[in-house]
Amino acid sequence: MDVAIIAAVFPLVFVAELPDKTMFASLVLAARGRPLAVWFGAVAAFFIHVVIAVSVGVAVFHLLPHRVVEGVVAALFFVGAVYAYRSRNDEEEEASTTVNGGALRTTATALGVIFLAEWGDLTQIITANLAARYHDPLSVGLGAFTALAAVAAVAVIGGQSLMRVLSVRTLRLVMAVALVAAGIYSVVEAAIG
């Protein structure tokens, strides 16, 4: 396990997830149900998605030559930057499910909503890219998972207050700039490599 990789992955995934639909889904579900149960459900869904994303990233690295992997990773970072910058924030509607019942039902509802909302999500793609880039699935997985769990905690504890202070557009712009920088780095690595 490499702490430097975890430290590099965490902020990228954290910032990418803040203005994301799953953050809003967690926020809405927590407002309508039990916040701790919503967090447990979100964390379980994120864990499954991180395992899938890291596995895909590692498989791509083993199937393709290094320069091709770096080129694909760079292209996906650039596409991710455009996606992060241009995404709209009408995604809260996906989380309009009313959560009634016990903690187990709330957890299951949160797990289902977040699991479905995360498919093909920017953070899943970023996690797969980073796993292919760093060749360290455990460190990438741990960095991504802790970032996603932290965002879910922010959502259920004080997401509404945070979003009043930070503009979603600003968060998306910061993420787009970070992804462009990661893409440029990958292009340089592919050219050198």
N, C-alpha and C. Protein backbone atom coordinates (compact mmCIF):
# COMPACT_ATOMS: atom_id res chain seq x y z
N MET A 1 0.85 -1.18 0.00
CA MET A 1 0.00 0.00 0.00
C MET A 1 0.90 1.24 0.00
N ASP A 2 0.55 2.21 -0.84
CA ASP A 2 1.35 3.41 -1.01
C ASP A 2 0.53 4.63 -0.56
N VAL A 3 0.97 5.25 0.53
CA VAL A 3 0.26 6.40 1.09
C VAL A 3 0.24 7.57 0.11
N ALA A 4 1.29 7.74 -0.68
CA ALA A 4 1.34 8.82 -1.66
C ALA A 4 0.24 8.65 -2.72
N ILE A 5 0.01 7.42 -3.15
CA ILE A 5 -1.06 7.17 -4.13
C ILE A 5 -2.42 7.43 -3.50
N ILE A 6 -2.62 6.96 -2.28
CA ILE A 6 -3.89 7.21 -1.58
C ILE A 6 -4.12 8.72 -1.48
N ALA A 7 -3.07 9.45 -1.11
CA ALA A 7 -3.16 10.91 -0.97
C ALA A 7 -3.41 11.60 -2.30
N ALA A 8 -2.95 11.03 -3.41
CA ALA A 8 -3.20 11.62 -4.72
C ALA A 8 -4.61 11.32 -5.22
N VAL A 9 -5.11 10.13 -4.91
CA VAL A 9 -6.42 9.70 -5.37
C VAL A 9 -7.54 10.38 -4.58
N PHE A 10 -7.39 10.46 -3.27
CA PHE A 10 -8.45 10.97 -2.40
C PHE A 10 -9.01 12.32 -2.86
N PRO A 11 -8.16 13.36 -3.04
CA PRO A 11 -8.74 14.66 -3.40
C PRO A 11 -9.41 14.67 -4.77
N LEU A 12 -8.85 13.94 -5.74
CA LEU A 12 -9.47 13.90 -7.07
C LEU A 12 -10.89 13.32 -6.99
N VAL A 13 -11.02 12.20 -6.32
CA VAL A 13 -12.33 11.55 -6.22
C VAL A 13 -13.26 12.36 -5.33
N PHE A 14 -12.75 12.91 -4.24
CA PHE A 14 -13.57 13.69 -3.32
C PHE A 14 -14.19 14.90 -4.02
N VAL A 15 -13.35 15.67 -4.71
CA VAL A 15 -13.84 16.88 -5.40
C VAL A 15 -14.79 16.50 -6.54
N ALA A 16 -14.50 15.41 -7.23
CA ALA A 16 -15.38 14.98 -8.32
C ALA A 16 -16.75 14.56 -7.82
N GLU A 17 -16.79 13.98 -6.63
CA GLU A 17 -18.06 13.45 -6.11
C GLU A 17 -18.90 14.52 -5.43
N LEU A 18 -18.28 15.60 -4.93
CA LEU A 18 -19.05 16.62 -4.20
C LEU A 18 -20.25 17.15 -4.97
N PRO A 19 -20.08 17.60 -6.21
CA PRO A 19 -21.25 18.12 -6.91
C PRO A 19 -22.03 17.05 -7.67
N ASP A 20 -21.84 15.80 -7.32
CA ASP A 20 -22.40 14.70 -8.10
C ASP A 20 -23.79 14.32 -7.62
N LYS A 21 -24.50 13.59 -8.48
CA LYS A 21 -25.87 13.18 -8.17
C LYS A 21 -25.95 12.31 -6.94
N THR A 22 -24.93 11.50 -6.69
CA THR A 22 -25.01 10.61 -5.52
C THR A 22 -24.85 11.38 -4.23
N MET A 23 -24.13 12.50 -4.26
CA MET A 23 -24.06 13.35 -3.07
C MET A 23 -25.44 13.93 -2.78
N PHE A 24 -26.10 14.39 -3.84
CA PHE A 24 -27.44 14.94 -3.66
C PHE A 24 -28.44 13.85 -3.26
N ALA A 25 -28.27 12.65 -3.81
CA ALA A 25 -29.14 11.54 -3.43
C ALA A 25 -28.98 11.23 -1.95
N SER A 26 -27.75 11.18 -1.47
CA SER A 26 -27.50 10.93 -0.04
C SER A 26 -28.11 12.02 0.81
N LEU A 27 -27.95 13.26 0.38
CA LEU A 27 -28.50 14.39 1.12
C LEU A 27 -30.02 14.29 1.23
N VAL A 28 -30.68 14.04 0.11
CA VAL A 28 -32.14 13.96 0.10
C VAL A 28 -32.63 12.76 0.91
N LEU A 29 -32.00 11.62 0.73
CA LEU A 29 -32.40 10.42 1.48
C LEU A 29 -32.20 10.62 2.97
N ALA A 30 -31.12 11.27 3.37
CA ALA A 30 -30.86 11.51 4.80
C ALA A 30 -31.88 12.47 5.38
N ALA A 31 -32.31 13.43 4.59
CA ALA A 31 -33.31 14.38 5.07
C ALA A 31 -34.66 13.70 5.28
N ARG A 32 -34.91 12.60 4.56
CA ARG A 32 -36.20 11.91 4.63
C ARG A 32 -36.15 10.64 5.48
N GLY A 33 -34.97 10.25 5.89
CA GLY A 33 -34.86 9.00 6.64
C GLY A 33 -33.85 9.12 7.74
N ARG A 34 -33.21 8.03 8.04
CA ARG A 34 -32.20 7.98 9.09
C ARG A 34 -30.82 8.23 8.48
N PRO A 35 -30.14 9.34 8.86
CA PRO A 35 -28.86 9.68 8.23
C PRO A 35 -27.79 8.59 8.34
N LEU A 36 -27.64 7.96 9.48
CA LEU A 36 -26.61 6.93 9.63
C LEU A 36 -26.91 5.73 8.74
N ALA A 37 -28.17 5.35 8.64
CA ALA A 37 -28.56 4.24 7.77
C ALA A 37 -28.31 4.59 6.30
N VAL A 38 -28.57 5.84 5.93
CA VAL A 38 -28.30 6.29 4.56
C VAL A 38 -26.81 6.22 4.29
N TRP A 39 -25.99 6.65 5.26
CA TRP A 39 -24.55 6.60 5.07
C TRP A 39 -24.06 5.17 4.88
N PHE A 40 -24.55 4.24 5.70
CA PHE A 40 -24.15 2.84 5.56
C PHE A 40 -24.53 2.29 4.18
N GLY A 41 -25.72 2.62 3.71
CA GLY A 41 -26.15 2.17 2.39
C GLY A 41 -25.28 2.76 1.28
N ALA A 42 -24.99 4.06 1.38
CA ALA A 42 -24.15 4.71 0.38
C ALA A 42 -22.75 4.12 0.38
N VAL A 43 -22.19 3.90 1.56
CA VAL A 43 -20.84 3.34 1.67
C VAL A 43 -20.78 1.93 1.07
N ALA A 44 -21.79 1.13 1.31
CA ALA A 44 -21.83 -0.22 0.73
C ALA A 44 -21.87 -0.15 -0.80
N ALA A 45 -22.68 0.75 -1.34
CA ALA A 45 -22.76 0.92 -2.80
C ALA A 45 -21.42 1.40 -3.36
N PHE A 46 -20.80 2.36 -2.69
CA PHE A 46 -19.51 2.87 -3.15
C PHE A 46 -18.44 1.79 -3.12
N PHE A 47 -18.45 0.95 -2.09
CA PHE A 47 -17.47 -0.12 -1.99
C PHE A 47 -17.56 -1.05 -3.21
N ILE A 48 -18.77 -1.43 -3.55
CA ILE A 48 -18.98 -2.31 -4.71
C ILE A 48 -18.46 -1.65 -5.99
N HIS A 49 -18.78 -0.37 -6.16
CA HIS A 49 -18.35 0.34 -7.36
C HIS A 49 -16.84 0.53 -7.43
N VAL A 50 -16.21 0.76 -6.30
CA VAL A 50 -14.75 0.91 -6.30
C VAL A 50 -14.09 -0.41 -6.69
N VAL A 51 -14.59 -1.51 -6.15
CA VAL A 51 -14.03 -2.82 -6.51
C VAL A 51 -14.17 -3.05 -8.02
N ILE A 52 -15.31 -2.74 -8.57
CA ILE A 52 -15.53 -2.91 -10.02
C ILE A 52 -14.59 -1.99 -10.81
N ALA A 53 -14.51 -0.73 -10.44
CA ALA A 53 -13.69 0.24 -11.17
C ALA A 53 -12.21 -0.13 -11.13
N VAL A 54 -11.72 -0.51 -9.96
CA VAL A 54 -10.32 -0.88 -9.83
C VAL A 54 -10.03 -2.14 -10.65
N SER A 55 -10.94 -3.09 -10.62
CA SER A 55 -10.75 -4.33 -11.40
C SER A 55 -10.68 -4.03 -12.89
N VAL A 56 -11.54 -3.15 -13.38
CA VAL A 56 -11.51 -2.77 -14.79
C VAL A 56 -10.20 -2.07 -15.12
N GLY A 57 -9.77 -1.15 -14.25
CA GLY A 57 -8.52 -0.43 -14.49
C GLY A 57 -7.32 -1.35 -14.55
N VAL A 58 -7.25 -2.31 -13.65
CA VAL A 58 -6.15 -3.27 -13.64
C VAL A 58 -6.20 -4.16 -14.88
N ALA A 59 -7.38 -4.59 -15.27
CA ALA A 59 -7.52 -5.45 -16.46
C ALA A 59 -7.07 -4.73 -17.71
N VAL A 60 -7.44 -3.45 -17.84
CA VAL A 60 -7.03 -2.67 -19.01
C VAL A 60 -5.51 -2.57 -19.05
N PHE A 61 -4.89 -2.33 -17.89
CA PHE A 61 -3.43 -2.22 -17.85
C PHE A 61 -2.76 -3.51 -18.31
N HIS A 62 -3.29 -4.64 -17.92
CA HIS A 62 -2.67 -5.91 -18.27
C HIS A 62 -2.94 -6.33 -19.72
N LEU A 63 -3.97 -5.80 -20.33
CA LEU A 63 -4.31 -6.18 -21.69
C LEU A 63 -3.65 -5.33 -22.76
N LEU A 64 -3.36 -4.08 -22.43
CA LEU A 64 -2.85 -3.14 -23.42
C LEU A 64 -1.41 -2.73 -23.12
N PRO A 65 -0.64 -2.37 -24.16
CA PRO A 65 0.72 -1.85 -23.94
C PRO A 65 0.69 -0.54 -23.14
N HIS A 66 1.79 -0.26 -22.45
CA HIS A 66 1.89 0.91 -21.56
C HIS A 66 1.51 2.21 -22.26
N ARG A 67 2.05 2.46 -23.45
CA ARG A 67 1.76 3.72 -24.14
C ARG A 67 0.28 3.84 -24.50
N VAL A 68 -0.33 2.74 -24.88
CA VAL A 68 -1.76 2.75 -25.21
C VAL A 68 -2.57 3.06 -23.96
N VAL A 69 -2.21 2.41 -22.84
CA VAL A 69 -2.92 2.65 -21.58
C VAL A 69 -2.81 4.12 -21.20
N GLU A 70 -1.61 4.69 -21.27
CA GLU A 70 -1.42 6.10 -20.92
C GLU A 70 -2.24 7.00 -21.86
N GLY A 71 -2.27 6.67 -23.14
CA GLY A 71 -3.07 7.45 -24.09
C GLY A 71 -4.55 7.38 -23.79
N VAL A 72 -5.04 6.18 -23.49
CA VAL A 72 -6.45 6.00 -23.15
C VAL A 72 -6.78 6.74 -21.86
N VAL A 73 -5.90 6.60 -20.87
CA VAL A 73 -6.11 7.28 -19.59
C VAL A 73 -6.16 8.80 -19.81
N ALA A 74 -5.22 9.33 -20.60
CA ALA A 74 -5.21 10.76 -20.89
C ALA A 74 -6.51 11.20 -21.57
N ALA A 75 -6.93 10.44 -22.58
CA ALA A 75 -8.17 10.78 -23.28
C ALA A 75 -9.36 10.77 -22.33
N LEU A 76 -9.43 9.77 -21.48
CA LEU A 76 -10.55 9.69 -20.53
C LEU A 76 -10.50 10.82 -19.50
N PHE A 77 -9.30 11.23 -19.08
CA PHE A 77 -9.20 12.38 -18.19
C PHE A 77 -9.72 13.64 -18.87
N PHE A 78 -9.38 13.84 -20.15
CA PHE A 78 -9.86 15.01 -20.86
C PHE A 78 -11.38 14.97 -21.04
N VAL A 79 -11.90 13.80 -21.39
CA VAL A 79 -13.36 13.64 -21.51
C VAL A 79 -14.02 13.90 -20.15
N GLY A 80 -13.41 13.37 -19.08
CA GLY A 80 -13.92 13.60 -17.74
C GLY A 80 -13.93 15.07 -17.37
N ALA A 81 -12.90 15.80 -17.80
CA ALA A 81 -12.84 17.24 -17.53
C ALA A 81 -14.00 17.97 -18.20
N VAL A 82 -14.27 17.61 -19.45
CA VAL A 82 -15.39 18.23 -20.17
C VAL A 82 -16.71 17.87 -19.47
N TYR A 83 -16.85 16.59 -19.10
CA TYR A 83 -18.06 16.13 -18.41
C TYR A 83 -18.24 16.87 -17.08
N ALA A 84 -17.18 17.00 -16.31
CA ALA A 84 -17.25 17.68 -15.01
C ALA A 84 -17.65 19.13 -15.18
N TYR A 85 -17.11 19.78 -16.19
CA TYR A 85 -17.40 21.19 -16.41
C TYR A 85 -18.81 21.43 -16.92
N ARG A 86 -19.29 20.54 -17.79
CA ARG A 86 -20.57 20.76 -18.45
C ARG A 86 -21.77 20.14 -17.77
N SER A 87 -21.57 19.29 -16.77
CA SER A 87 -22.68 18.59 -16.12
C SER A 87 -23.67 19.57 -15.51
N ARG A 88 -24.91 19.15 -15.53
CA ARG A 88 -25.98 19.96 -14.94
C ARG A 88 -26.32 19.42 -13.58
N ASN A 89 -27.03 20.18 -12.81
CA ASN A 89 -27.32 19.78 -11.44
C ASN A 89 -28.80 19.52 -11.19
N ASP A 90 -29.48 18.98 -12.17
CA ASP A 90 -30.88 18.63 -11.96
C ASP A 90 -30.98 17.16 -11.55
N GLU A 91 -29.88 16.62 -11.02
CA GLU A 91 -29.81 15.21 -10.69
C GLU A 91 -30.47 14.87 -9.36
N GLU A 92 -30.80 15.88 -8.56
CA GLU A 92 -31.43 15.61 -7.28
C GLU A 92 -32.75 14.88 -7.43
N GLU A 93 -33.40 15.05 -8.59
CA GLU A 93 -34.68 14.40 -8.82
C GLU A 93 -34.57 12.89 -8.74
N GLU A 94 -33.39 12.35 -9.07
CA GLU A 94 -33.19 10.90 -8.99
C GLU A 94 -33.33 10.40 -7.57
N ALA A 95 -33.13 11.28 -6.60
CA ALA A 95 -33.14 10.87 -5.20
C ALA A 95 -34.46 11.22 -4.53
N SER A 96 -35.51 11.42 -5.28
CA SER A 96 -36.76 11.88 -4.70
C SER A 96 -37.55 10.76 -4.04
N THR A 97 -36.95 9.61 -3.86
CA THR A 97 -37.60 8.48 -3.21
C THR A 97 -37.84 8.79 -1.75
N THR A 98 -39.04 8.57 -1.26
CA THR A 98 -39.33 8.73 0.15
C THR A 98 -38.86 7.51 0.89
N VAL A 99 -38.14 7.72 1.98
CA VAL A 99 -37.62 6.62 2.77
C VAL A 99 -38.41 6.53 4.06
N ASN A 100 -39.24 5.51 4.15
CA ASN A 100 -39.99 5.25 5.38
C ASN A 100 -39.59 3.88 5.88
N GLY A 101 -39.85 3.63 7.13
CA GLY A 101 -39.55 2.31 7.65
C GLY A 101 -38.32 2.32 8.53
N GLY A 102 -37.80 1.14 8.81
CA GLY A 102 -36.68 0.99 9.73
C GLY A 102 -35.34 1.28 9.10
N ALA A 103 -34.32 1.12 9.93
CA ALA A 103 -32.96 1.40 9.51
C ALA A 103 -32.53 0.46 8.37
N LEU A 104 -32.92 -0.80 8.45
CA LEU A 104 -32.54 -1.75 7.40
C LEU A 104 -33.15 -1.36 6.06
N ARG A 105 -34.39 -0.96 6.07
CA ARG A 105 -35.04 -0.54 4.83
C ARG A 105 -34.40 0.74 4.29
N THR A 106 -34.08 1.67 5.17
CA THR A 106 -33.42 2.91 4.76
C THR A 106 -32.05 2.61 4.15
N THR A 107 -31.28 1.72 4.80
CA THR A 107 -29.97 1.34 4.29
C THR A 107 -30.10 0.69 2.91
N ALA A 108 -31.05 -0.22 2.77
CA ALA A 108 -31.26 -0.91 1.49
C ALA A 108 -31.67 0.07 0.39
N THR A 109 -32.53 1.02 0.74
CA THR A 109 -32.97 2.02 -0.24
C THR A 109 -31.78 2.87 -0.69
N ALA A 110 -30.98 3.33 0.28
CA ALA A 110 -29.82 4.15 -0.05
C ALA A 110 -28.83 3.36 -0.90
N LEU A 111 -28.59 2.10 -0.54
CA LEU A 111 -27.68 1.26 -1.31
C LEU A 111 -28.18 1.13 -2.75
N GLY A 112 -29.46 0.86 -2.93
CA GLY A 112 -30.02 0.70 -4.27
C GLY A 112 -29.95 1.97 -5.09
N VAL A 113 -30.33 3.09 -4.50
CA VAL A 113 -30.33 4.37 -5.23
C VAL A 113 -28.91 4.76 -5.62
N ILE A 114 -27.99 4.68 -4.67
CA ILE A 114 -26.60 5.08 -4.94
C ILE A 114 -25.95 4.11 -5.91
N PHE A 115 -26.18 2.81 -5.74
CA PHE A 115 -25.59 1.81 -6.63
C PHE A 115 -26.00 2.07 -8.07
N LEU A 116 -27.28 2.31 -8.31
CA LEU A 116 -27.74 2.57 -9.67
C LEU A 116 -27.24 3.91 -10.20
N ALA A 117 -27.21 4.91 -9.34
CA ALA A 117 -26.78 6.25 -9.77
C ALA A 117 -25.30 6.30 -10.13
N GLU A 118 -24.48 5.44 -9.54
CA GLU A 118 -23.03 5.47 -9.75
C GLU A 118 -22.57 4.80 -11.04
N TRP A 119 -23.41 4.01 -11.71
CA TRP A 119 -22.95 3.31 -12.91
C TRP A 119 -22.51 4.28 -13.98
N GLY A 120 -21.27 4.13 -14.43
CA GLY A 120 -20.72 4.99 -15.47
C GLY A 120 -20.45 6.40 -15.01
N ASP A 121 -20.46 6.59 -13.71
CA ASP A 121 -20.27 7.91 -13.12
C ASP A 121 -18.82 8.37 -13.28
N LEU A 122 -18.62 9.67 -13.24
CA LEU A 122 -17.29 10.24 -13.39
C LEU A 122 -16.31 9.65 -12.38
N THR A 123 -16.70 9.51 -11.13
CA THR A 123 -15.77 8.99 -10.13
C THR A 123 -15.43 7.52 -10.38
N GLN A 124 -16.34 6.77 -10.93
CA GLN A 124 -16.05 5.38 -11.27
C GLN A 124 -15.02 5.32 -12.41
N ILE A 125 -15.18 6.19 -13.38
CA ILE A 125 -14.25 6.26 -14.50
C ILE A 125 -12.88 6.75 -14.02
N ILE A 126 -12.88 7.77 -13.16
CA ILE A 126 -11.61 8.28 -12.61
C ILE A 126 -10.90 7.17 -11.84
N THR A 127 -11.64 6.42 -11.04
CA THR A 127 -11.04 5.34 -10.24
C THR A 127 -10.42 4.28 -11.15
N ALA A 128 -11.12 3.89 -12.20
CA ALA A 128 -10.58 2.91 -13.15
C ALA A 128 -9.33 3.46 -13.82
N ASN A 129 -9.35 4.73 -14.22
CA ASN A 129 -8.19 5.36 -14.84
C ASN A 129 -6.99 5.37 -13.90
N LEU A 130 -7.23 5.74 -12.65
CA LEU A 130 -6.14 5.81 -11.69
C LEU A 130 -5.57 4.43 -11.38
N ALA A 131 -6.43 3.42 -11.36
CA ALA A 131 -5.94 2.05 -11.14
C ALA A 131 -5.05 1.62 -12.30
N ALA A 132 -5.43 1.99 -13.51
CA ALA A 132 -4.60 1.68 -14.68
C ALA A 132 -3.32 2.50 -14.66
N ARG A 133 -3.40 3.71 -14.21
CA ARG A 133 -2.25 4.63 -14.20
C ARG A 133 -1.21 4.24 -13.16
N TYR A 134 -1.66 3.98 -11.94
CA TYR A 134 -0.73 3.75 -10.83
C TYR A 134 -0.33 2.28 -10.65
N HIS A 135 -1.04 1.36 -11.22
CA HIS A 135 -0.73 -0.07 -11.09
C HIS A 135 -0.74 -0.53 -9.63
N ASP A 136 -1.56 0.10 -8.82
CA ASP A 136 -1.64 -0.26 -7.39
C ASP A 136 -3.13 -0.25 -7.01
N PRO A 137 -3.83 -1.34 -7.30
CA PRO A 137 -5.28 -1.35 -7.08
C PRO A 137 -5.68 -1.14 -5.62
N LEU A 138 -4.92 -1.65 -4.69
CA LEU A 138 -5.27 -1.50 -3.28
C LEU A 138 -5.20 -0.03 -2.85
N SER A 139 -4.11 0.64 -3.19
CA SER A 139 -3.96 2.05 -2.80
C SER A 139 -5.00 2.93 -3.50
N VAL A 140 -5.21 2.70 -4.79
CA VAL A 140 -6.21 3.48 -5.53
C VAL A 140 -7.60 3.21 -4.96
N GLY A 141 -7.90 1.94 -4.74
CA GLY A 141 -9.20 1.57 -4.18
C GLY A 141 -9.44 2.20 -2.82
N LEU A 142 -8.44 2.16 -1.96
CA LEU A 142 -8.58 2.74 -0.62
C LEU A 142 -8.75 4.26 -0.69
N GLY A 143 -7.97 4.92 -1.55
CA GLY A 143 -8.11 6.37 -1.71
C GLY A 143 -9.48 6.76 -2.24
N ALA A 144 -9.95 6.04 -3.25
CA ALA A 144 -11.26 6.33 -3.84
C ALA A 144 -12.38 6.03 -2.86
N PHE A 145 -12.30 4.88 -2.20
CA PHE A 145 -13.36 4.49 -1.27
C PHE A 145 -13.47 5.47 -0.10
N THR A 146 -12.33 5.85 0.49
CA THR A 146 -12.40 6.78 1.62
C THR A 146 -12.92 8.15 1.18
N ALA A 147 -12.58 8.57 -0.04
CA ALA A 147 -13.11 9.84 -0.55
C ALA A 147 -14.62 9.78 -0.71
N LEU A 148 -15.11 8.67 -1.29
CA LEU A 148 -16.56 8.52 -1.50
C LEU A 148 -17.30 8.42 -0.17
N ALA A 149 -16.73 7.68 0.79
CA ALA A 149 -17.35 7.57 2.11
C ALA A 149 -17.38 8.93 2.80
N ALA A 150 -16.31 9.72 2.62
CA ALA A 150 -16.27 11.06 3.21
C ALA A 150 -17.33 11.97 2.60
N VAL A 151 -17.50 11.90 1.28
CA VAL A 151 -18.53 12.72 0.63
C VAL A 151 -19.92 12.32 1.12
N ALA A 152 -20.15 11.01 1.27
CA ALA A 152 -21.44 10.56 1.80
C ALA A 152 -21.65 11.09 3.22
N ALA A 153 -20.59 11.12 4.02
CA ALA A 153 -20.69 11.67 5.38
C ALA A 153 -21.01 13.16 5.34
N VAL A 154 -20.33 13.89 4.45
CA VAL A 154 -20.60 15.32 4.29
C VAL A 154 -22.06 15.52 3.91
N ALA A 155 -22.55 14.68 3.01
CA ALA A 155 -23.93 14.82 2.54
C ALA A 155 -24.93 14.59 3.66
N VAL A 156 -24.74 13.54 4.44
CA VAL A 156 -25.74 13.24 5.47
C VAL A 156 -25.60 14.13 6.70
N ILE A 157 -24.42 14.71 6.92
CA ILE A 157 -24.23 15.56 8.10
C ILE A 157 -24.55 17.02 7.80
N GLY A 158 -24.02 17.53 6.72
CA GLY A 158 -24.23 18.95 6.50
C GLY A 158 -24.14 19.38 5.06
N GLY A 159 -24.60 18.55 4.17
CA GLY A 159 -24.50 18.84 2.75
C GLY A 159 -25.19 20.12 2.33
N GLN A 160 -26.35 20.38 2.87
CA GLN A 160 -27.07 21.58 2.46
C GLN A 160 -26.30 22.83 2.84
N SER A 161 -25.71 22.85 4.03
CA SER A 161 -24.92 24.01 4.46
C SER A 161 -23.70 24.19 3.59
N LEU A 162 -23.01 23.09 3.25
CA LEU A 162 -21.83 23.16 2.40
C LEU A 162 -22.17 23.73 1.03
N MET A 163 -23.26 23.28 0.46
CA MET A 163 -23.62 23.74 -0.88
C MET A 163 -24.06 25.20 -0.88
N ARG A 164 -24.43 25.75 0.28
CA ARG A 164 -24.73 27.19 0.36
C ARG A 164 -23.44 28.00 0.31
N VAL A 165 -22.35 27.43 0.82
CA VAL A 165 -21.07 28.12 0.89
C VAL A 165 -20.28 27.96 -0.41
N LEU A 166 -20.25 26.75 -0.95
CA LEU A 166 -19.49 26.47 -2.17
C LEU A 166 -20.42 26.33 -3.35
N SER A 167 -20.09 27.00 -4.42
CA SER A 167 -20.87 26.90 -5.64
C SER A 167 -20.57 25.58 -6.35
N VAL A 168 -21.61 24.91 -6.82
CA VAL A 168 -21.44 23.67 -7.57
C VAL A 168 -20.61 23.96 -8.83
N ARG A 169 -20.84 25.07 -9.43
CA ARG A 169 -20.08 25.44 -10.64
C ARG A 169 -18.59 25.56 -10.33
N THR A 170 -18.27 26.15 -9.18
CA THR A 170 -16.87 26.27 -8.77
C THR A 170 -16.25 24.89 -8.56
N LEU A 171 -16.97 24.01 -7.89
CA LEU A 171 -16.46 22.65 -7.66
C LEU A 171 -16.24 21.92 -8.99
N ARG A 172 -17.16 22.09 -9.92
CA ARG A 172 -17.01 21.44 -11.22
C ARG A 172 -15.81 22.02 -11.98
N LEU A 173 -15.59 23.32 -11.89
CA LEU A 173 -14.45 23.95 -12.56
C LEU A 173 -13.14 23.45 -11.96
N VAL A 174 -13.06 23.36 -10.64
CA VAL A 174 -11.85 22.84 -9.99
C VAL A 174 -11.59 21.41 -10.44
N MET A 175 -12.63 20.60 -10.51
CA MET A 175 -12.48 19.22 -10.94
C MET A 175 -12.02 19.15 -12.39
N ALA A 176 -12.58 19.98 -13.26
CA ALA A 176 -12.19 19.99 -14.67
C ALA A 176 -10.72 20.36 -14.82
N VAL A 177 -10.26 21.34 -14.07
CA VAL A 177 -8.86 21.74 -14.14
C VAL A 177 -7.95 20.61 -13.65
N ALA A 178 -8.33 19.96 -12.56
CA ALA A 178 -7.53 18.84 -12.04
C ALA A 178 -7.46 17.70 -13.05
N LEU A 179 -8.55 17.41 -13.73
CA LEU A 179 -8.56 16.33 -14.72
C LEU A 179 -7.75 16.70 -15.96
N VAL A 180 -7.78 17.95 -16.37
CA VAL A 180 -6.95 18.38 -17.50
C VAL A 180 -5.48 18.22 -17.13
N ALA A 181 -5.12 18.62 -15.91
CA ALA A 181 -3.73 18.46 -15.46
C ALA A 181 -3.33 16.98 -15.46
N ALA A 182 -4.21 16.12 -14.97
CA ALA A 182 -3.93 14.68 -14.96
C ALA A 182 -3.82 14.15 -16.39
N GLY A 183 -4.63 14.65 -17.30
CA GLY A 183 -4.57 14.24 -18.70
C GLY A 183 -3.26 14.66 -19.35
N ILE A 184 -2.83 15.88 -19.08
CA ILE A 184 -1.54 16.36 -19.63
C ILE A 184 -0.39 15.50 -19.10
N TYR A 185 -0.44 15.22 -17.82
CA TYR A 185 0.60 14.37 -17.22
C TYR A 185 0.63 13.00 -17.89
N SER A 186 -0.54 12.43 -18.15
CA SER A 186 -0.61 11.12 -18.81
C SER A 186 -0.10 11.17 -20.24
N VAL A 187 -0.35 12.25 -20.95
CA VAL A 187 0.16 12.41 -22.32
C VAL A 187 1.69 12.46 -22.29
N VAL A 188 2.24 13.21 -21.35
CA VAL A 188 3.69 13.29 -21.22
C VAL A 188 4.27 11.92 -20.89
N GLU A 189 3.63 11.19 -19.99
CA GLU A 189 4.08 9.84 -19.63
C GLU A 189 4.02 8.90 -20.83
N ALA A 190 2.99 9.03 -21.64
CA ALA A 190 2.87 8.18 -22.83
C ALA A 190 3.97 8.50 -23.84
N ALA A 191 4.28 9.79 -23.98
CA ALA A 191 5.30 10.21 -24.93
C ALA A 191 6.70 9.77 -24.49
N ILE A 192 6.93 9.83 -23.20
CA ILE A 192 8.24 9.47 -22.66
C ILE A 192 8.39 7.95 -22.59
N GLY A 193 7.29 7.31 -22.12
CA GLY A 193 7.28 5.93 -21.74
C GLY A 193 7.60 4.88 -22.68
